[in-house]
Amino acid sequence: MERLRSSPLHANISAALDKHLEVIHVVQSRRKDEIVNASNRQRQGAPRCQDDRDVFALALAIKEMSAATRKARTTLWCALQMTLPK
């Protein structure tokens, strides 16, 4: 869109996209932690209460990703509206 406009977009647009990417990485990390901890507990026969913490951390990360996704979609729509000819 920047190339179509021949000028840079507003800084908030790139900030929202950067935040979205950051939150995606957090979700990936939480999911990886959940898988690793679940497999370790299964081998050791540990109680399930620890597993809930991993699930809650993943759920919170997904909630943050959902909000960041909505914001990124809105900022991309705004960027498109600024790019389209009038």
PDB file of N, CA and C in Angstrom:
ATOM      1  N   MET A   1       0.819  -1.190   0.000  1.00  0.00           N
ATOM      2  CA  MET A   1       0.000   0.000   0.000  1.00  0.00           C
ATOM      3  C   MET A   1       0.865   1.257   0.000  1.00  0.00           C
ATOM      4  N   GLU A   2       2.007   1.155   0.678  1.00  0.00           N
ATOM      5  CA  GLU A   2       2.910   2.306   0.677  1.00  0.00           C
ATOM      6  C   GLU A   2       3.427   2.583  -0.725  1.00  0.00           C
ATOM      7  N   ARG A   3       3.703   1.527  -1.481  1.00  0.00           N
ATOM      8  CA  ARG A   3       4.178   1.719  -2.852  1.00  0.00           C
ATOM      9  C   ARG A   3       3.077   2.308  -3.729  1.00  0.00           C
ATOM     10  N   LEU A   4       1.853   1.882  -3.519  1.00  0.00           N
ATOM     11  CA  LEU A   4       0.749   2.441  -4.307  1.00  0.00           C
ATOM     12  C   LEU A   4       0.528   3.911  -4.005  1.00  0.00           C
ATOM     13  N   ARG A   5       0.718   4.277  -2.748  1.00  0.00           N
ATOM     14  CA  ARG A   5       0.524   5.682  -2.358  1.00  0.00           C
ATOM     15  C   ARG A   5       1.739   6.536  -2.672  1.00  0.00           C
ATOM     16  N   SER A   6       2.873   5.930  -2.822  1.00  0.00           N
ATOM     17  CA  SER A   6       4.153   6.635  -2.998  1.00  0.00           C
ATOM     18  C   SER A   6       4.492   7.494  -1.793  1.00  0.00           C
ATOM     19  N   SER A   7       3.997   7.079  -0.641  1.00  0.00           N
ATOM     20  CA  SER A   7       4.340   7.743   0.613  1.00  0.00           C
ATOM     21  C   SER A   7       4.115   6.757   1.758  1.00  0.00           C
ATOM     22  N   PRO A   8       4.825   6.963   2.856  1.00  0.00           N
ATOM     23  CA  PRO A   8       4.672   6.027   3.975  1.00  0.00           C
ATOM     24  C   PRO A   8       3.300   6.162   4.644  1.00  0.00           C
ATOM     25  N   LEU A   9       2.850   5.057   5.215  1.00  0.00           N
ATOM     26  CA  LEU A   9       1.600   5.065   5.964  1.00  0.00           C
ATOM     27  C   LEU A   9       1.851   5.598   7.369  1.00  0.00           C
ATOM     28  N   HIS A  10       0.791   5.837   8.083  1.00  0.00           N
ATOM     29  CA  HIS A  10       0.897   6.351   9.448  1.00  0.00           C
ATOM     30  C   HIS A  10       1.645   5.351  10.323  1.00  0.00           C
ATOM     31  N   ALA A  11       2.388   5.828  11.296  1.00  0.00           N
ATOM     32  CA  ALA A  11       3.208   4.978  12.166  1.00  0.00           C
ATOM     33  C   ALA A  11       2.356   4.008  12.981  1.00  0.00           C
ATOM     34  N   ASN A  12       1.123   4.373  13.301  1.00  0.00           N
ATOM     35  CA  ASN A  12       0.260   3.484  14.072  1.00  0.00           C
ATOM     36  C   ASN A  12      -0.079   2.211  13.308  1.00  0.00           C
ATOM     37  N   ILE A  13      -0.093   2.284  11.990  1.00  0.00           N
ATOM     38  CA  ILE A  13      -0.408   1.105  11.184  1.00  0.00           C
ATOM     39  C   ILE A  13       0.699   0.071  11.324  1.00  0.00           C
ATOM     40  N   SER A  14       1.927   0.487  11.171  1.00  0.00           N
ATOM     41  CA  SER A  14       3.027  -0.472  11.320  1.00  0.00           C
ATOM     42  C   SER A  14       3.164  -0.933  12.767  1.00  0.00           C
ATOM     43  N   ALA A  15       2.849  -0.073  13.716  1.00  0.00           N
ATOM     44  CA  ALA A  15       2.904  -0.474  15.124  1.00  0.00           C
ATOM     45  C   ALA A  15       1.871  -1.557  15.424  1.00  0.00           C
ATOM     46  N   ALA A  16       0.680  -1.423  14.870  1.00  0.00           N
ATOM     47  CA  ALA A  16      -0.366  -2.427  15.086  1.00  0.00           C
ATOM     48  C   ALA A  16       0.029  -3.761  14.461  1.00  0.00           C
ATOM     49  N   LEU A  17       0.645  -3.719  13.287  1.00  0.00           N
ATOM     50  CA  LEU A  17       1.076  -4.955  12.638  1.00  0.00           C
ATOM     51  C   LEU A  17       2.230  -5.609  13.397  1.00  0.00           C
ATOM     52  N   ASP A  18       3.137  -4.794  13.919  1.00  0.00           N
ATOM     53  CA  ASP A  18       4.234  -5.329  14.729  1.00  0.00           C
ATOM     54  C   ASP A  18       3.700  -5.984  16.005  1.00  0.00           C
ATOM     55  N   LYS A  19       2.732  -5.335  16.636  1.00  0.00           N
ATOM     56  CA  LYS A  19       2.121  -5.883  17.848  1.00  0.00           C
ATOM     57  C   LYS A  19       1.419  -7.202  17.543  1.00  0.00           C
ATOM     58  N   HIS A  20       0.743  -7.271  16.402  1.00  0.00           N
ATOM     59  CA  HIS A  20       0.053  -8.497  16.006  1.00  0.00           C
ATOM     60  C   HIS A  20       1.059  -9.642  15.845  1.00  0.00           C
ATOM     61  N   LEU A  21       2.164  -9.389  15.198  1.00  0.00           N
ATOM     62  CA  LEU A  21       3.189 -10.406  15.021  1.00  0.00           C
ATOM     63  C   LEU A  21       3.780 -10.832  16.361  1.00  0.00           C
ATOM     64  N   GLU A  22       3.998  -9.874  17.240  1.00  0.00           N
ATOM     65  CA  GLU A  22       4.535 -10.171  18.570  1.00  0.00           C
ATOM     66  C   GLU A  22       3.585 -11.075  19.354  1.00  0.00           C
ATOM     67  N   VAL A  23       2.306 -10.773  19.295  1.00  0.00           N
ATOM     68  CA  VAL A  23       1.307 -11.566  20.029  1.00  0.00           C
ATOM     69  C   VAL A  23       1.203 -12.972  19.439  1.00  0.00           C
ATOM     70  N   ILE A  24       1.347 -13.103  18.140  1.00  0.00           N
ATOM     71  CA  ILE A  24       1.341 -14.430  17.511  1.00  0.00           C
ATOM     72  C   ILE A  24       2.507 -15.264  18.051  1.00  0.00           C
ATOM     73  N   HIS A  25       3.658 -14.656  18.186  1.00  0.00           N
ATOM     74  CA  HIS A  25       4.815 -15.375  18.721  1.00  0.00           C
ATOM     75  C   HIS A  25       4.582 -15.787  20.176  1.00  0.00           C
ATOM     76  N   VAL A  26       3.905 -14.956  20.948  1.00  0.00           N
ATOM     77  CA  VAL A  26       3.598 -15.292  22.342  1.00  0.00           C
ATOM     78  C   VAL A  26       2.667 -16.510  22.388  1.00  0.00           C
ATOM     79  N   VAL A  27       1.655 -16.527  21.525  1.00  0.00           N
ATOM     80  CA  VAL A  27       0.730 -17.671  21.485  1.00  0.00           C
ATOM     81  C   VAL A  27       1.485 -18.938  21.098  1.00  0.00           C
ATOM     82  N   GLN A  28       2.353 -18.846  20.122  1.00  0.00           N
ATOM     83  CA  GLN A  28       3.142 -20.012  19.724  1.00  0.00           C
ATOM     84  C   GLN A  28       3.997 -20.512  20.884  1.00  0.00           C
ATOM     85  N   SER A  29       4.586 -19.598  21.620  1.00  0.00           N
ATOM     86  CA  SER A  29       5.423 -19.970  22.757  1.00  0.00           C
ATOM     87  C   SER A  29       4.598 -20.633  23.859  1.00  0.00           C
ATOM     88  N   ARG A  30       3.430 -20.058  24.157  1.00  0.00           N
ATOM     89  CA  ARG A  30       2.557 -20.639  25.195  1.00  0.00           C
ATOM     90  C   ARG A  30       2.094 -22.037  24.797  1.00  0.00           C
ATOM     91  N   ARG A  31       1.764 -22.214  23.537  1.00  0.00           N
ATOM     92  CA  ARG A  31       1.317 -23.521  23.065  1.00  0.00           C
ATOM     93  C   ARG A  31       2.449 -24.537  23.154  1.00  0.00           C
ATOM     94  N   LYS A  32       3.655 -24.110  22.787  1.00  0.00           N
ATOM     95  CA  LYS A  32       4.809 -24.994  22.875  1.00  0.00           C
ATOM     96  C   LYS A  32       5.074 -25.387  24.328  1.00  0.00           C
ATOM     97  N   ASP A  33       4.984 -24.412  25.250  1.00  0.00           N
ATOM     98  CA  ASP A  33       5.164 -24.695  26.676  1.00  0.00           C
ATOM     99  C   ASP A  33       4.119 -25.685  27.173  1.00  0.00           C
ATOM    100  N   GLU A  34       2.890 -25.493  26.741  1.00  0.00           N
ATOM    101  CA  GLU A  34       1.813 -26.390  27.163  1.00  0.00           C
ATOM    102  C   GLU A  34       2.094 -27.822  26.706  1.00  0.00           C
ATOM    103  N   ILE A  35       2.509 -27.986  25.482  1.00  0.00           N
ATOM    104  CA  ILE A  35       2.787 -29.319  24.942  1.00  0.00           C
ATOM    105  C   ILE A  35       3.946 -29.979  25.687  1.00  0.00           C
ATOM    106  N   VAL A  36       5.021 -29.220  25.890  1.00  0.00           N
ATOM    107  CA  VAL A  36       6.197 -29.768  26.575  1.00  0.00           C
ATOM    108  C   VAL A  36       5.856 -30.144  28.010  1.00  0.00           C
ATOM    109  N   ASN A  37       5.178 -29.262  28.718  1.00  0.00           N
ATOM    110  CA  ASN A  37       4.845 -29.541  30.117  1.00  0.00           C
ATOM    111  C   ASN A  37       3.861 -30.696  30.235  1.00  0.00           C
ATOM    112  N   ALA A  38       2.915 -30.797  29.318  1.00  0.00           N
ATOM    113  CA  ALA A  38       1.950 -31.894  29.358  1.00  0.00           C
ATOM    114  C   ALA A  38       2.646 -33.230  29.123  1.00  0.00           C
ATOM    115  N   SER A  39       3.581 -33.262  28.185  1.00  0.00           N
ATOM    116  CA  SER A  39       4.284 -34.522  27.928  1.00  0.00           C
ATOM    117  C   SER A  39       5.191 -34.892  29.098  1.00  0.00           C
ATOM    118  N   ASN A  40       5.804 -33.903  29.733  1.00  0.00           N
ATOM    119  CA  ASN A  40       6.648 -34.183  30.905  1.00  0.00           C
ATOM    120  C   ASN A  40       5.811 -34.696  32.071  1.00  0.00           C
ATOM    121  N   ARG A  41       4.659 -34.105  32.309  1.00  0.00           N
ATOM    122  CA  ARG A  41       3.798 -34.541  33.404  1.00  0.00           C
ATOM    123  C   ARG A  41       3.237 -35.932  33.148  1.00  0.00           C
ATOM    124  N   GLN A  42       2.946 -36.215  31.895  1.00  0.00           N
ATOM    125  CA  GLN A  42       2.405 -37.527  31.564  1.00  0.00           C
ATOM    126  C   GLN A  42       3.436 -38.622  31.858  1.00  0.00           C
ATOM    127  N   ARG A  43       4.695 -38.322  31.586  1.00  0.00           N
ATOM    128  CA  ARG A  43       5.765 -39.291  31.876  1.00  0.00           C
ATOM    129  C   ARG A  43       5.938 -39.497  33.372  1.00  0.00           C
ATOM    130  N   GLN A  44       5.792 -38.410  34.139  1.00  0.00           N
ATOM    131  CA  GLN A  44       6.046 -38.468  35.577  1.00  0.00           C
ATOM    132  C   GLN A  44       4.804 -38.846  36.376  1.00  0.00           C
ATOM    133  N   GLY A  45       3.635 -38.772  35.760  1.00  0.00           N
ATOM    134  CA  GLY A  45       2.405 -39.071  36.487  1.00  0.00           C
ATOM    135  C   GLY A  45       2.042 -37.993  37.488  1.00  0.00           C
ATOM    136  N   ALA A  46       2.388 -36.759  37.202  1.00  0.00           N
ATOM    137  CA  ALA A  46       2.138 -35.635  38.111  1.00  0.00           C
ATOM    138  C   ALA A  46       0.661 -35.258  38.102  1.00  0.00           C
ATOM    139  N   PRO A  47       0.198 -34.555  39.160  1.00  0.00           N
ATOM    140  CA  PRO A  47      -1.206 -34.122  39.198  1.00  0.00           C
ATOM    141  C   PRO A  47      -1.531 -33.124  38.089  1.00  0.00           C
ATOM    142  N   ARG A  48      -2.795 -32.986  37.821  1.00  0.00           N
ATOM    143  CA  ARG A  48      -3.258 -32.205  36.680  1.00  0.00           C
ATOM    144  C   ARG A  48      -3.343 -30.698  36.951  1.00  0.00           C
ATOM    145  N   CYS A  49      -3.257 -30.252  38.193  1.00  0.00           N
ATOM    146  CA  CYS A  49      -3.443 -28.831  38.511  1.00  0.00           C
ATOM    147  C   CYS A  49      -2.409 -27.942  37.821  1.00  0.00           C
ATOM    148  N   GLN A  50      -1.201 -28.426  37.603  1.00  0.00           N
ATOM    149  CA  GLN A  50      -0.186 -27.650  36.901  1.00  0.00           C
ATOM    150  C   GLN A  50      -0.587 -27.417  35.452  1.00  0.00           C
ATOM    151  N   ASP A  51      -1.289 -28.403  34.895  1.00  0.00           N
ATOM    152  CA  ASP A  51      -1.723 -28.322  33.505  1.00  0.00           C
ATOM    153  C   ASP A  51      -2.677 -27.140  33.307  1.00  0.00           C
ATOM    154  N   ASP A  52      -3.475 -26.836  34.322  1.00  0.00           N
ATOM    155  CA  ASP A  52      -4.425 -25.734  34.217  1.00  0.00           C
ATOM    156  C   ASP A  52      -3.720 -24.398  34.039  1.00  0.00           C
ATOM    157  N   ARG A  53      -2.592 -24.219  34.650  1.00  0.00           N
ATOM    158  CA  ARG A  53      -1.851 -22.956  34.516  1.00  0.00           C
ATOM    159  C   ARG A  53      -1.419 -22.736  33.075  1.00  0.00           C
ATOM    160  N   ASP A  54      -0.966 -23.791  32.442  1.00  0.00           N
ATOM    161  CA  ASP A  54      -0.556 -23.693  31.043  1.00  0.00           C
ATOM    162  C   ASP A  54      -1.749 -23.344  30.157  1.00  0.00           C
ATOM    163  N   VAL A  55      -2.879 -23.966  30.426  1.00  0.00           N
ATOM    164  CA  VAL A  55      -4.079 -23.710  29.635  1.00  0.00           C
ATOM    165  C   VAL A  55      -4.553 -22.281  29.838  1.00  0.00           C
ATOM    166  N   PHE A  56      -4.517 -21.796  31.076  1.00  0.00           N
ATOM    167  CA  PHE A  56      -4.934 -20.418  31.349  1.00  0.00           C
ATOM    168  C   PHE A  56      -3.996 -19.408  30.686  1.00  0.00           C
ATOM    169  N   ALA A  57      -2.701 -19.688  30.709  1.00  0.00           N
ATOM    170  CA  ALA A  57      -1.736 -18.795  30.048  1.00  0.00           C
ATOM    171  C   ALA A  57      -1.977 -18.778  28.544  1.00  0.00           C
ATOM    172  N   LEU A  58      -2.261 -19.943  27.975  1.00  0.00           N
ATOM    173  CA  LEU A  58      -2.554 -20.020  26.541  1.00  0.00           C
ATOM    174  C   LEU A  58      -3.849 -19.281  26.214  1.00  0.00           C
ATOM    175  N   ALA A  59      -4.871 -19.455  27.063  1.00  0.00           N
ATOM    176  CA  ALA A  59      -6.147 -18.776  26.832  1.00  0.00           C
ATOM    177  C   ALA A  59      -5.990 -17.260  26.892  1.00  0.00           C
ATOM    178  N   LEU A  60      -5.202 -16.771  27.825  1.00  0.00           N
ATOM    179  CA  LEU A  60      -4.958 -15.329  27.917  1.00  0.00           C
ATOM    180  C   LEU A  60      -4.204 -14.825  26.691  1.00  0.00           C
ATOM    181  N   ALA A  61      -3.235 -15.598  26.225  1.00  0.00           N
ATOM    182  CA  ALA A  61      -2.477 -15.204  25.031  1.00  0.00           C
ATOM    183  C   ALA A  61      -3.383 -15.184  23.801  1.00  0.00           C
ATOM    184  N   ILE A  62      -4.300 -16.143  23.709  1.00  0.00           N
ATOM    185  CA  ILE A  62      -5.232 -16.167  22.575  1.00  0.00           C
ATOM    186  C   ILE A  62      -6.194 -14.986  22.649  1.00  0.00           C
ATOM    187  N   LYS A  63      -6.601 -14.622  23.855  1.00  0.00           N
ATOM    188  CA  LYS A  63      -7.471 -13.451  24.026  1.00  0.00           C
ATOM    189  C   LYS A  63      -6.762 -12.180  23.551  1.00  0.00           C
ATOM    190  N   GLU A  64      -5.489 -12.040  23.914  1.00  0.00           N
ATOM    191  CA  GLU A  64      -4.717 -10.880  23.475  1.00  0.00           C
ATOM    192  C   GLU A  64      -4.510 -10.902  21.965  1.00  0.00           C
ATOM    193  N   MET A  65      -4.325 -12.089  21.401  1.00  0.00           N
ATOM    194  CA  MET A  65      -4.156 -12.203  19.958  1.00  0.00           C
ATOM    195  C   MET A  65      -5.447 -11.821  19.231  1.00  0.00           C
ATOM    196  N   SER A  66      -6.565 -12.181  19.798  1.00  0.00           N
ATOM    197  CA  SER A  66      -7.843 -11.825  19.189  1.00  0.00           C
ATOM    198  C   SER A  66      -8.015 -10.307  19.121  1.00  0.00           C
ATOM    199  N   ALA A  67      -7.680  -9.631  20.200  1.00  0.00           N
ATOM    200  CA  ALA A  67      -7.787  -8.169  20.226  1.00  0.00           C
ATOM    201  C   ALA A  67      -6.799  -7.536  19.242  1.00  0.00           C
ATOM    202  N   ALA A  68      -5.576  -8.068  19.211  1.00  0.00           N
ATOM    203  CA  ALA A  68      -4.564  -7.534  18.292  1.00  0.00           C
ATOM    204  C   ALA A  68      -4.958  -7.784  16.838  1.00  0.00           C
ATOM    205  N   THR A  69      -5.601  -8.915  16.571  1.00  0.00           N
ATOM    206  CA  THR A  69      -6.047  -9.224  15.213  1.00  0.00           C
ATOM    207  C   THR A  69      -7.128  -8.254  14.764  1.00  0.00           C
ATOM    208  N   ARG A  70      -8.069  -7.967  15.647  1.00  0.00           N
ATOM    209  CA  ARG A  70      -9.120  -6.990  15.303  1.00  0.00           C
ATOM    210  C   ARG A  70      -8.515  -5.625  15.021  1.00  0.00           C
ATOM    211  N   LYS A  71      -7.550  -5.226  15.837  1.00  0.00           N
ATOM    212  CA  LYS A  71      -6.912  -3.921  15.636  1.00  0.00           C
ATOM    213  C   LYS A  71      -6.130  -3.897  14.327  1.00  0.00           C
ATOM    214  N   ALA A  72      -5.416  -4.982  14.032  1.00  0.00           N
ATOM    215  CA  ALA A  72      -4.648  -5.047  12.784  1.00  0.00           C
ATOM    216  C   ALA A  72      -5.568  -5.006  11.573  1.00  0.00           C
ATOM    217  N   ARG A  73      -6.687  -5.715  11.642  1.00  0.00           N
ATOM    218  CA  ARG A  73      -7.639  -5.690  10.528  1.00  0.00           C
ATOM    219  C   ARG A  73      -8.198  -4.286  10.326  1.00  0.00           C
ATOM    220  N   THR A  74      -8.499  -3.607  11.415  1.00  0.00           N
ATOM    221  CA  THR A  74      -9.032  -2.241  11.313  1.00  0.00           C
ATOM    222  C   THR A  74      -7.989  -1.298  10.726  1.00  0.00           C
ATOM    223  N   THR A  75      -6.751  -1.411  11.176  1.00  0.00           N
ATOM    224  CA  THR A  75      -5.716  -0.510  10.660  1.00  0.00           C
ATOM    225  C   THR A  75      -5.423  -0.795   9.187  1.00  0.00           C
ATOM    226  N   LEU A  76      -5.478  -2.069   8.803  1.00  0.00           N
ATOM    227  CA  LEU A  76      -5.274  -2.384   7.384  1.00  0.00           C
ATOM    228  C   LEU A  76      -6.422  -1.856   6.527  1.00  0.00           C
ATOM    229  N   TRP A  77      -7.624  -1.900   7.063  1.00  0.00           N
ATOM    230  CA  TRP A  77      -8.767  -1.340   6.332  1.00  0.00           C
ATOM    231  C   TRP A  77      -8.575   0.165   6.168  1.00  0.00           C
ATOM    232  N   CYS A  78      -8.151   0.828   7.230  1.00  0.00           N
ATOM    233  CA  CYS A  78      -7.888   2.280   7.145  1.00  0.00           C
ATOM    234  C   CYS A  78      -6.786   2.579   6.131  1.00  0.00           C
ATOM    235  N   ALA A  79      -5.739   1.770   6.132  1.00  0.00           N
ATOM    236  CA  ALA A  79      -4.664   1.971   5.173  1.00  0.00           C
ATOM    237  C   ALA A  79      -5.175   1.784   3.752  1.00  0.00           C
ATOM    238  N   LEU A  80      -6.029   0.808   3.551  1.00  0.00           N
ATOM    239  CA  LEU A  80      -6.602   0.594   2.226  1.00  0.00           C
ATOM    240  C   LEU A  80      -7.444   1.795   1.815  1.00  0.00           C
ATOM    241  N   GLN A  81      -8.238   2.325   2.714  1.00  0.00           N
ATOM    242  CA  GLN A  81      -9.075   3.471   2.388  1.00  0.00           C
ATOM    243  C   GLN A  81      -8.230   4.692   2.041  1.00  0.00           C
ATOM    244  N   MET A  82      -7.090   4.840   2.702  1.00  0.00           N
ATOM    245  CA  MET A  82      -6.202   5.964   2.383  1.00  0.00           C
ATOM    246  C   MET A  82      -5.494   5.748   1.059  1.00  0.00           C
ATOM    247  N   THR A  83      -5.333   4.470   0.663  1.00  0.00           N
ATOM    248  CA  THR A  83      -4.610   4.148  -0.573  1.00  0.00           C
ATOM    249  C   THR A  83      -5.488   4.260  -1.804  1.00  0.00           C
ATOM    250  N   LEU A  84      -6.757   3.913  -1.680  1.00  0.00           N
ATOM    251  CA  LEU A  84      -7.650   3.928  -2.829  1.00  0.00           C
ATOM    252  C   LEU A  84      -7.806   5.345  -3.382  1.00  0.00           C
ATOM    253  N   PRO A  85      -7.902   5.468  -4.687  1.00  0.00           N
ATOM    254  CA  PRO A  85      -8.128   6.799  -5.273  1.00  0.00           C
ATOM    255  C   PRO A  85      -9.535   7.289  -4.938  1.00  0.00           C
ATOM    256  N   LYS A  86      -9.662   8.596  -4.843  1.00  0.00           N
ATOM    257  CA  LYS A  86     -10.961   9.164  -4.492  1.00  0.00           C
ATOM    258  C   LYS A  86     -11.815   9.411  -5.695  1.00  0.00           C
TER     259      LYS A  86
END
